[in-house]
């Protein structure tokens, strides 16, 4: 989490390729406390209930070995704002 304010927050995720180049990536997570994503950049983000999926854009999916791409989002929360645990996979 980059920042938080009453009812809202900004998140940022860095995706890093391992020892081999990748041609695309997907990051998934489930919000544990009812948060939601309202806006995003540098990723195609979709959600269904608490489950969120972020996929690379055409310009940031190809990553060389050890290279990184970052995406961000603005979200909303009510009650508590607990950090989720993202999972990343190469596509």
PDB file of N, CA and C in Angstrom:
ATOM      1  N   UNK A   1       0.838  -1.167   0.000  1.00  0.00           N
ATOM      2  CA  UNK A   1       0.000   0.000   0.000  1.00  0.00           C
ATOM      3  C   UNK A   1       0.892   1.242   0.000  1.00  0.00           C
ATOM      4  N   UNK A   2       0.610   2.156  -0.899  1.00  0.00           N
ATOM      5  CA  UNK A   2       1.380   3.383  -1.038  1.00  0.00           C
ATOM      6  C   UNK A   2       0.857   4.454  -0.080  1.00  0.00           C
ATOM      7  N   UNK A   3      -0.444   4.564   0.027  1.00  0.00           N
ATOM      8  CA  UNK A   3      -1.050   5.569   0.892  1.00  0.00           C
ATOM      9  C   UNK A   3      -2.477   5.184   1.221  1.00  0.00           C
ATOM     10  N   UNK A   4      -2.993   5.768   2.271  1.00  0.00           N
ATOM     11  CA  UNK A   4      -4.356   5.458   2.713  1.00  0.00           C
ATOM     12  C   UNK A   4      -5.006   6.717   3.259  1.00  0.00           C
ATOM     13  N   UNK A   5      -6.297   6.866   3.027  1.00  0.00           N
ATOM     14  CA  UNK A   5      -7.082   7.960   3.577  1.00  0.00           C
ATOM     15  C   UNK A   5      -8.447   7.392   3.925  1.00  0.00           C
ATOM     16  N   UNK A   6      -9.261   8.148   4.596  1.00  0.00           N
ATOM     17  CA  UNK A   6     -10.561   7.640   5.035  1.00  0.00           C
ATOM     18  C   UNK A   6     -11.377   7.156   3.843  1.00  0.00           C
ATOM     19  N   UNK A   7     -11.597   5.861   3.787  1.00  0.00           N
ATOM     20  CA  UNK A   7     -12.397   5.264   2.736  1.00  0.00           C
ATOM     21  C   UNK A   7     -11.666   4.940   1.458  1.00  0.00           C
ATOM     22  N   UNK A   8     -10.378   5.265   1.353  1.00  0.00           N
ATOM     23  CA  UNK A   8      -9.661   5.004   0.120  1.00  0.00           C
ATOM     24  C   UNK A   8      -8.195   4.690   0.343  1.00  0.00           C
ATOM     25  N   UNK A   9      -7.554   4.174  -0.684  1.00  0.00           N
ATOM     26  CA  UNK A   9      -6.129   3.861  -0.615  1.00  0.00           C
ATOM     27  C   UNK A   9      -5.548   3.728  -2.008  1.00  0.00           C
ATOM     28  N   UNK A  10      -4.229   3.806  -2.100  1.00  0.00           N
ATOM     29  CA  UNK A  10      -3.507   3.566  -3.339  1.00  0.00           C
ATOM     30  C   UNK A  10      -2.601   2.375  -3.144  1.00  0.00           C
ATOM     31  N   UNK A  11      -2.643   1.428  -4.068  1.00  0.00           N
ATOM     32  CA  UNK A  11      -1.782   0.252  -4.020  1.00  0.00           C
ATOM     33  C   UNK A  11      -0.857   0.220  -5.215  1.00  0.00           C
ATOM     34  N   UNK A  12       0.260  -0.462  -5.048  1.00  0.00           N
ATOM     35  CA  UNK A  12       1.217  -0.626  -6.129  1.00  0.00           C
ATOM     36  C   UNK A  12       1.780  -2.042  -6.059  1.00  0.00           C
ATOM     37  N   UNK A  13       1.940  -2.666  -7.222  1.00  0.00           N
ATOM     38  CA  UNK A  13       2.470  -4.025  -7.299  1.00  0.00           C
ATOM     39  C   UNK A  13       3.605  -4.040  -8.319  1.00  0.00           C
ATOM     40  N   UNK A  14       4.712  -4.646  -7.943  1.00  0.00           N
ATOM     41  CA  UNK A  14       5.852  -4.815  -8.857  1.00  0.00           C
ATOM     42  C   UNK A  14       5.919  -6.287  -9.252  1.00  0.00           C
ATOM     43  N   UNK A  15       5.927  -6.527 -10.557  1.00  0.00           N
ATOM     44  CA  UNK A  15       6.050  -7.871 -11.119  1.00  0.00           C
ATOM     45  C   UNK A  15       7.470  -8.010 -11.636  1.00  0.00           C
ATOM     46  N   UNK A  16       8.178  -9.049 -11.218  1.00  0.00           N
ATOM     47  CA  UNK A  16       9.566  -9.258 -11.639  1.00  0.00           C
ATOM     48  C   UNK A  16       9.713 -10.653 -12.239  1.00  0.00           C
ATOM     49  N   UNK A  17      10.259 -10.709 -13.451  1.00  0.00           N
ATOM     50  CA  UNK A  17      10.520 -12.000 -14.089  1.00  0.00           C
ATOM     51  C   UNK A  17      11.633 -12.713 -13.334  1.00  0.00           C
ATOM     52  N   UNK A  18      11.603 -14.015 -13.345  1.00  0.00           N
ATOM     53  CA  UNK A  18      12.636 -14.822 -12.688  1.00  0.00           C
ATOM     54  C   UNK A  18      13.886 -14.910 -13.545  1.00  0.00           C
ATOM     55  N   UNK A  19      14.435 -16.088 -13.637  1.00  0.00           N
ATOM     56  CA  UNK A  19      15.698 -16.287 -14.355  1.00  0.00           C
ATOM     57  C   UNK A  19      15.528 -16.397 -15.869  1.00  0.00           C
ATOM     58  N   UNK A  20      14.289 -16.401 -16.340  1.00  0.00           N
ATOM     59  CA  UNK A  20      14.015 -16.469 -17.774  1.00  0.00           C
ATOM     60  C   UNK A  20      13.061 -15.341 -18.167  1.00  0.00           C
ATOM     61  N   UNK A  21      13.144 -14.928 -19.422  1.00  0.00           N
ATOM     62  CA  UNK A  21      12.237 -13.903 -19.931  1.00  0.00           C
ATOM     63  C   UNK A  21      10.809 -14.433 -19.965  1.00  0.00           C
ATOM     64  N   UNK A  22       9.824 -13.530 -19.845  1.00  0.00           N
ATOM     65  CA  UNK A  22       8.410 -13.902 -19.936  1.00  0.00           C
ATOM     66  C   UNK A  22       7.734 -13.005 -20.967  1.00  0.00           C
ATOM     67  N   UNK A  23       6.625 -13.480 -21.517  1.00  0.00           N
ATOM     68  CA  UNK A  23       5.913 -12.705 -22.534  1.00  0.00           C
ATOM     69  C   UNK A  23       4.604 -12.129 -21.993  1.00  0.00           C
ATOM     70  N   UNK A  24       4.297 -12.378 -20.743  1.00  0.00           N
ATOM     71  CA  UNK A  24       3.096 -11.830 -20.142  1.00  0.00           C
ATOM     72  C   UNK A  24       2.995 -12.268 -18.694  1.00  0.00           C
ATOM     73  N   UNK A  25       2.126 -11.585 -17.928  1.00  0.00           N
ATOM     74  CA  UNK A  25       1.976 -11.902 -16.515  1.00  0.00           C
ATOM     75  C   UNK A  25       0.540 -11.649 -16.055  1.00  0.00           C
ATOM     76  N   UNK A  26       0.172 -12.354 -15.008  1.00  0.00           N
ATOM     77  CA  UNK A  26      -1.130 -12.193 -14.358  1.00  0.00           C
ATOM     78  C   UNK A  26      -0.896 -12.188 -12.860  1.00  0.00           C
ATOM     79  N   UNK A  27      -1.517 -11.245 -12.171  1.00  0.00           N
ATOM     80  CA  UNK A  27      -1.446 -11.163 -10.716  1.00  0.00           C
ATOM     81  C   UNK A  27      -2.867 -11.293 -10.181  1.00  0.00           C
ATOM     82  N   UNK A  28      -3.060 -12.166  -9.197  1.00  0.00           N
ATOM     83  CA  UNK A  28      -4.374 -12.335  -8.585  1.00  0.00           C
ATOM     84  C   UNK A  28      -4.267 -12.147  -7.076  1.00  0.00           C
ATOM     85  N   UNK A  29      -5.349 -11.701  -6.477  1.00  0.00           N
ATOM     86  CA  UNK A  29      -5.435 -11.615  -5.020  1.00  0.00           C
ATOM     87  C   UNK A  29      -6.897 -11.526  -4.613  1.00  0.00           C
ATOM     88  N   UNK A  30      -7.137 -11.786  -3.355  1.00  0.00           N
ATOM     89  CA  UNK A  30      -8.476 -11.635  -2.777  1.00  0.00           C
ATOM     90  C   UNK A  30      -8.376 -10.624  -1.645  1.00  0.00           C
ATOM     91  N   UNK A  31      -9.206  -9.601  -1.692  1.00  0.00           N
ATOM     92  CA  UNK A  31      -9.232  -8.630  -0.607  1.00  0.00           C
ATOM     93  C   UNK A  31      -9.862  -9.283   0.622  1.00  0.00           C
ATOM     94  N   UNK A  32      -9.192  -9.248   1.771  1.00  0.00           N
ATOM     95  CA  UNK A  32      -9.688  -9.925   2.959  1.00  0.00           C
ATOM     96  C   UNK A  32     -10.726  -9.134   3.750  1.00  0.00           C
ATOM     97  N   UNK A  33     -10.879  -7.832   3.441  1.00  0.00           N
ATOM     98  CA  UNK A  33     -11.733  -7.000   4.295  1.00  0.00           C
ATOM     99  C   UNK A  33     -12.762  -6.185   3.522  1.00  0.00           C
ATOM    100  N   UNK A  34     -13.190  -6.658   2.367  1.00  0.00           N
ATOM    101  CA  UNK A  34     -14.239  -5.971   1.621  1.00  0.00           C
ATOM    102  C   UNK A  34     -13.788  -4.791   0.781  1.00  0.00           C
ATOM    103  N   UNK A  35     -12.496  -4.636   0.542  1.00  0.00           N
ATOM    104  CA  UNK A  35     -12.007  -3.548  -0.291  1.00  0.00           C
ATOM    105  C   UNK A  35     -12.385  -3.789  -1.758  1.00  0.00           C
ATOM    106  N   UNK A  36     -12.250  -2.755  -2.565  1.00  0.00           N
ATOM    107  CA  UNK A  36     -12.497  -2.891  -3.996  1.00  0.00           C
ATOM    108  C   UNK A  36     -11.583  -1.950  -4.767  1.00  0.00           C
ATOM    109  N   UNK A  37     -11.330  -2.284  -6.039  1.00  0.00           N
ATOM    110  CA  UNK A  37     -10.513  -1.457  -6.923  1.00  0.00           C
ATOM    111  C   UNK A  37     -11.448  -0.566  -7.726  1.00  0.00           C
ATOM    112  N   UNK A  38     -11.145   0.732  -7.750  1.00  0.00           N
ATOM    113  CA  UNK A  38     -11.967   1.688  -8.483  1.00  0.00           C
ATOM    114  C   UNK A  38     -11.311   2.173  -9.768  1.00  0.00           C
ATOM    115  N   UNK A  39      -9.988   2.172  -9.808  1.00  0.00           N
ATOM    116  CA  UNK A  39      -9.231   2.723 -10.930  1.00  0.00           C
ATOM    117  C   UNK A  39      -7.866   2.050 -10.946  1.00  0.00           C
ATOM    118  N   UNK A  40      -7.299   1.850 -12.138  1.00  0.00           N
ATOM    119  CA  UNK A  40      -5.972   1.230 -12.214  1.00  0.00           C
ATOM    120  C   UNK A  40      -5.191   1.806 -13.387  1.00  0.00           C
ATOM    121  N   UNK A  41      -3.880   1.576 -13.377  1.00  0.00           N
ATOM    122  CA  UNK A  41      -3.026   1.986 -14.480  1.00  0.00           C
ATOM    123  C   UNK A  41      -1.917   0.959 -14.656  1.00  0.00           C
ATOM    124  N   UNK A  42      -1.457   0.812 -15.886  1.00  0.00           N
ATOM    125  CA  UNK A  42      -0.397  -0.119 -16.281  1.00  0.00           C
ATOM    126  C   UNK A  42      -0.780  -1.581 -16.112  1.00  0.00           C
ATOM    127  N   UNK A  43      -2.077  -1.882 -15.998  1.00  0.00           N
ATOM    128  CA  UNK A  43      -2.588  -3.260 -15.961  1.00  0.00           C
ATOM    129  C   UNK A  43      -4.068  -3.230 -16.301  1.00  0.00           C
ATOM    130  N   UNK A  44      -4.552  -4.333 -16.847  1.00  0.00           N
ATOM    131  CA  UNK A  44      -5.989  -4.518 -17.063  1.00  0.00           C
ATOM    132  C   UNK A  44      -6.517  -5.230 -15.833  1.00  0.00           C
ATOM    133  N   UNK A  45      -7.281  -4.537 -15.013  1.00  0.00           N
ATOM    134  CA  UNK A  45      -7.742  -5.071 -13.736  1.00  0.00           C
ATOM    135  C   UNK A  45      -9.234  -5.347 -13.798  1.00  0.00           C
ATOM    136  N   UNK A  46      -9.609  -6.548 -13.351  1.00  0.00           N
ATOM    137  CA  UNK A  46     -11.018  -6.912 -13.250  1.00  0.00           C
ATOM    138  C   UNK A  46     -11.244  -7.539 -11.887  1.00  0.00           C
ATOM    139  N   UNK A  47     -12.486  -7.522 -11.439  1.00  0.00           N
ATOM    140  CA  UNK A  47     -12.777  -8.114 -10.136  1.00  0.00           C
ATOM    141  C   UNK A  47     -14.138  -8.770 -10.141  1.00  0.00           C
ATOM    142  N   UNK A  48     -14.266  -9.733  -9.247  1.00  0.00           N
ATOM    143  CA  UNK A  48     -15.525 -10.427  -9.017  1.00  0.00           C
ATOM    144  C   UNK A  48     -15.626 -10.644  -7.514  1.00  0.00           C
ATOM    145  N   UNK A  49     -16.437  -9.847  -6.858  1.00  0.00           N
ATOM    146  CA  UNK A  49     -16.492  -9.903  -5.402  1.00  0.00           C
ATOM    147  C   UNK A  49     -15.156  -9.475  -4.834  1.00  0.00           C
ATOM    148  N   UNK A  50     -14.599 -10.271  -3.946  1.00  0.00           N
ATOM    149  CA  UNK A  50     -13.312  -9.962  -3.322  1.00  0.00           C
ATOM    150  C   UNK A  50     -12.126 -10.327  -4.206  1.00  0.00           C
ATOM    151  N   UNK A  51     -12.341 -11.111  -5.257  1.00  0.00           N
ATOM    152  CA  UNK A  51     -11.249 -11.610  -6.098  1.00  0.00           C
ATOM    153  C   UNK A  51     -10.892 -10.611  -7.197  1.00  0.00           C
ATOM    154  N   UNK A  52      -9.600 -10.328  -7.314  1.00  0.00           N
ATOM    155  CA  UNK A  52      -9.105  -9.350  -8.286  1.00  0.00           C
ATOM    156  C   UNK A  52      -8.071 -10.027  -9.189  1.00  0.00           C
ATOM    157  N   UNK A  53      -8.120  -9.712 -10.479  1.00  0.00           N
ATOM    158  CA  UNK A  53      -7.144 -10.199 -11.449  1.00  0.00           C
ATOM    159  C   UNK A  53      -6.580  -9.021 -12.212  1.00  0.00           C
ATOM    160  N   UNK A  54      -5.257  -8.931 -12.279  1.00  0.00           N
ATOM    161  CA  UNK A  54      -4.573  -7.888 -13.043  1.00  0.00           C
ATOM    162  C   UNK A  54      -3.712  -8.570 -14.098  1.00  0.00           C
ATOM    163  N   UNK A  55      -3.853  -8.120 -15.339  1.00  0.00           N
ATOM    164  CA  UNK A  55      -3.067  -8.668 -16.443  1.00  0.00           C
ATOM    165  C   UNK A  55      -2.261  -7.554 -17.098  1.00  0.00           C
ATOM    166  N   UNK A  56      -1.114  -7.917 -17.649  1.00  0.00           N
ATOM    167  CA  UNK A  56      -0.249  -6.932 -18.295  1.00  0.00           C
ATOM    168  C   UNK A  56      -0.954  -6.230 -19.440  1.00  0.00           C
ATOM    169  N   UNK A  57      -0.469  -5.046 -19.742  1.00  0.00           N
ATOM    170  CA  UNK A  57      -0.881  -4.314 -20.933  1.00  0.00           C
ATOM    171  C   UNK A  57       0.019  -4.789 -22.078  1.00  0.00           C
ATOM    172  N   UNK A  58      -0.299  -4.398 -23.301  1.00  0.00           N
ATOM    173  CA  UNK A  58       0.522  -4.822 -24.440  1.00  0.00           C
ATOM    174  C   UNK A  58       1.939  -4.286 -24.339  1.00  0.00           C
ATOM    175  N   UNK A  59       2.135  -3.146 -23.684  1.00  0.00           N
ATOM    176  CA  UNK A  59       3.446  -2.512 -23.633  1.00  0.00           C
ATOM    177  C   UNK A  59       4.315  -2.942 -22.447  1.00  0.00           C
ATOM    178  N   UNK A  60       3.783  -3.726 -21.487  1.00  0.00           N
ATOM    179  CA  UNK A  60       4.617  -4.085 -20.330  1.00  0.00           C
ATOM    180  C   UNK A  60       4.576  -5.573 -19.970  1.00  0.00           C
ATOM    181  N   UNK A  61       4.192  -6.408 -20.920  1.00  0.00           N
ATOM    182  CA  UNK A  61       4.125  -7.846 -20.651  1.00  0.00           C
ATOM    183  C   UNK A  61       5.424  -8.585 -20.909  1.00  0.00           C
ATOM    184  N   UNK A  62       6.176  -8.143 -21.910  1.00  0.00           N
ATOM    185  CA  UNK A  62       7.447  -8.791 -22.232  1.00  0.00           C
ATOM    186  C   UNK A  62       8.518  -8.288 -21.276  1.00  0.00           C
ATOM    187  N   UNK A  63       8.975  -9.165 -20.423  1.00  0.00           N
ATOM    188  CA  UNK A  63      10.012  -8.805 -19.456  1.00  0.00           C
ATOM    189  C   UNK A  63      11.198  -9.735 -19.623  1.00  0.00           C
ATOM    190  N   UNK A  64      12.377  -9.174 -19.739  1.00  0.00           N
ATOM    191  CA  UNK A  64      13.589  -9.978 -19.780  1.00  0.00           C
ATOM    192  C   UNK A  64      13.861 -10.581 -18.410  1.00  0.00           C
ATOM    193  N   UNK A  65      14.755 -11.534 -18.352  1.00  0.00           N
ATOM    194  CA  UNK A  65      15.109 -12.173 -17.077  1.00  0.00           C
ATOM    195  C   UNK A  65      15.490 -11.117 -16.048  1.00  0.00           C
ATOM    196  N   UNK A  66      14.839 -11.133 -14.908  1.00  0.00           N
ATOM    197  CA  UNK A  66      15.121 -10.197 -13.835  1.00  0.00           C
ATOM    198  C   UNK A  66      14.502  -8.818 -13.993  1.00  0.00           C
ATOM    199  N   UNK A  67      13.847  -8.542 -15.116  1.00  0.00           N
ATOM    200  CA  UNK A  67      13.242  -7.226 -15.353  1.00  0.00           C
ATOM    201  C   UNK A  67      11.900  -7.117 -14.629  1.00  0.00           C
ATOM    202  N   UNK A  68      11.466  -5.883 -14.409  1.00  0.00           N
ATOM    203  CA  UNK A  68      10.240  -5.638 -13.642  1.00  0.00           C
ATOM    204  C   UNK A  68       9.287  -4.700 -14.364  1.00  0.00           C
ATOM    205  N   UNK A  69       8.027  -4.820 -14.024  1.00  0.00           N
ATOM    206  CA  UNK A  69       6.979  -3.881 -14.434  1.00  0.00           C
ATOM    207  C   UNK A  69       6.163  -3.574 -13.183  1.00  0.00           C
ATOM    208  N   UNK A  70       5.646  -2.358 -13.102  1.00  0.00           N
ATOM    209  CA  UNK A  70       4.869  -1.940 -11.940  1.00  0.00           C
ATOM    210  C   UNK A  70       3.498  -1.461 -12.396  1.00  0.00           C
ATOM    211  N   UNK A  71       2.466  -1.817 -11.645  1.00  0.00           N
ATOM    212  CA  UNK A  71       1.138  -1.267 -11.899  1.00  0.00           C
ATOM    213  C   UNK A  71       0.562  -0.770 -10.577  1.00  0.00           C
ATOM    214  N   UNK A  72      -0.421   0.086 -10.690  1.00  0.00           N
ATOM    215  CA  UNK A  72      -1.009   0.655  -9.492  1.00  0.00           C
ATOM    216  C   UNK A  72      -2.515   0.741  -9.594  1.00  0.00           C
ATOM    217  N   UNK A  73      -3.131   1.050  -8.465  1.00  0.00           N
ATOM    218  CA  UNK A  73      -4.589   1.182  -8.446  1.00  0.00           C
ATOM    219  C   UNK A  73      -5.031   2.038  -7.259  1.00  0.00           C
ATOM    220  N   UNK A  74      -6.228   2.573  -7.405  1.00  0.00           N
ATOM    221  CA  UNK A  74      -6.902   3.284  -6.332  1.00  0.00           C
ATOM    222  C   UNK A  74      -8.066   2.403  -5.898  1.00  0.00           C
ATOM    223  N   UNK A  75      -8.217   2.215  -4.604  1.00  0.00           N
ATOM    224  CA  UNK A  75      -9.276   1.368  -4.088  1.00  0.00           C
ATOM    225  C   UNK A  75     -10.071   2.060  -3.003  1.00  0.00           C
ATOM    226  N   UNK A  76     -11.139   1.405  -2.603  1.00  0.00           N
ATOM    227  CA  UNK A  76     -11.950   1.917  -1.501  1.00  0.00           C
ATOM    228  C   UNK A  76     -12.069   0.839  -0.434  1.00  0.00           C
ATOM    229  N   UNK A  77     -12.326   1.274   0.795  1.00  0.00           N
ATOM    230  CA  UNK A  77     -12.451   0.346   1.911  1.00  0.00           C
ATOM    231  C   UNK A  77     -13.440   0.907   2.921  1.00  0.00           C
ATOM    232  N   UNK A  78     -13.951   0.005   3.741  1.00  0.00           N
ATOM    233  CA  UNK A  78     -14.877   0.378   4.794  1.00  0.00           C
ATOM    234  C   UNK A  78     -14.622  -0.550   5.971  1.00  0.00           C
ATOM    235  N   UNK A  79     -14.290  -0.036   7.114  1.00  0.00           N
ATOM    236  CA  UNK A  79     -13.985  -0.880   8.282  1.00  0.00           C
ATOM    237  C   UNK A  79     -12.498  -0.986   8.490  1.00  0.00           C
ATOM    238  N   UNK A  80     -11.879  -2.060   7.996  1.00  0.00           N
ATOM    239  CA  UNK A  80     -10.436  -2.235   8.079  1.00  0.00           C
ATOM    240  C   UNK A  80      -9.862  -2.343   6.674  1.00  0.00           C
ATOM    241  N   UNK A  81      -8.612  -2.002   6.532  1.00  0.00           N
ATOM    242  CA  UNK A  81      -7.950  -2.038   5.220  1.00  0.00           C
ATOM    243  C   UNK A  81      -6.722  -2.947   5.322  1.00  0.00           C
ATOM    244  N   UNK A  82      -6.967  -4.232   5.308  1.00  0.00           N
ATOM    245  CA  UNK A  82      -5.907  -5.234   5.440  1.00  0.00           C
ATOM    246  C   UNK A  82      -5.276  -5.514   4.090  1.00  0.00           C
ATOM    247  N   UNK A  83      -3.952  -5.597   4.030  1.00  0.00           N
ATOM    248  CA  UNK A  83      -3.247  -5.905   2.789  1.00  0.00           C
ATOM    249  C   UNK A  83      -3.547  -7.324   2.326  1.00  0.00           C
ATOM    250  N   UNK A  84      -3.828  -7.505   1.041  1.00  0.00           N
ATOM    251  CA  UNK A  84      -3.987  -8.857   0.496  1.00  0.00           C
ATOM    252  C   UNK A  84      -2.629  -9.468   0.183  1.00  0.00           C
ATOM    253  N   UNK A  85      -2.610 -10.739  -0.154  1.00  0.00           N
ATOM    254  CA  UNK A  85      -1.385 -11.425  -0.555  1.00  0.00           C
ATOM    255  C   UNK A  85      -1.507 -11.779  -2.043  1.00  0.00           C
ATOM    256  N   UNK A  86      -0.800 -11.058  -2.916  1.00  0.00           N
ATOM    257  CA  UNK A  86      -0.920 -11.333  -4.355  1.00  0.00           C
ATOM    258  C   UNK A  86      -0.111 -12.563  -4.783  1.00  0.00           C
ATOM    259  N   UNK A  87      -0.571 -13.174  -5.853  1.00  0.00           N
ATOM    260  CA  UNK A  87       0.109 -14.306  -6.481  1.00  0.00           C
ATOM    261  C   UNK A  87       0.349 -13.928  -7.936  1.00  0.00           C
ATOM    262  N   UNK A  88       1.554 -14.156  -8.413  1.00  0.00           N
ATOM    263  CA  UNK A  88       1.906 -13.796  -9.782  1.00  0.00           C
ATOM    264  C   UNK A  88       2.245 -15.042 -10.593  1.00  0.00           C
ATOM    265  N   UNK A  89       1.813 -15.043 -11.861  1.00  0.00           N
ATOM    266  CA  UNK A  89       2.186 -16.140 -12.750  1.00  0.00           C
ATOM    267  C   UNK A  89       2.523 -15.584 -14.127  1.00  0.00           C
ATOM    268  N   UNK A  90       3.453 -16.221 -14.796  1.00  0.00           N
ATOM    269  CA  UNK A  90       3.818 -15.855 -16.153  1.00  0.00           C
ATOM    270  C   UNK A  90       2.820 -16.499 -17.113  1.00  0.00           C
ATOM    271  N   UNK A  91       2.540 -15.792 -18.201  1.00  0.00           N
ATOM    272  CA  UNK A  91       1.600 -16.335 -19.193  1.00  0.00           C
ATOM    273  C   UNK A  91       2.275 -16.484 -20.531  1.00  0.00           C
TER     274      UNK A  91
END
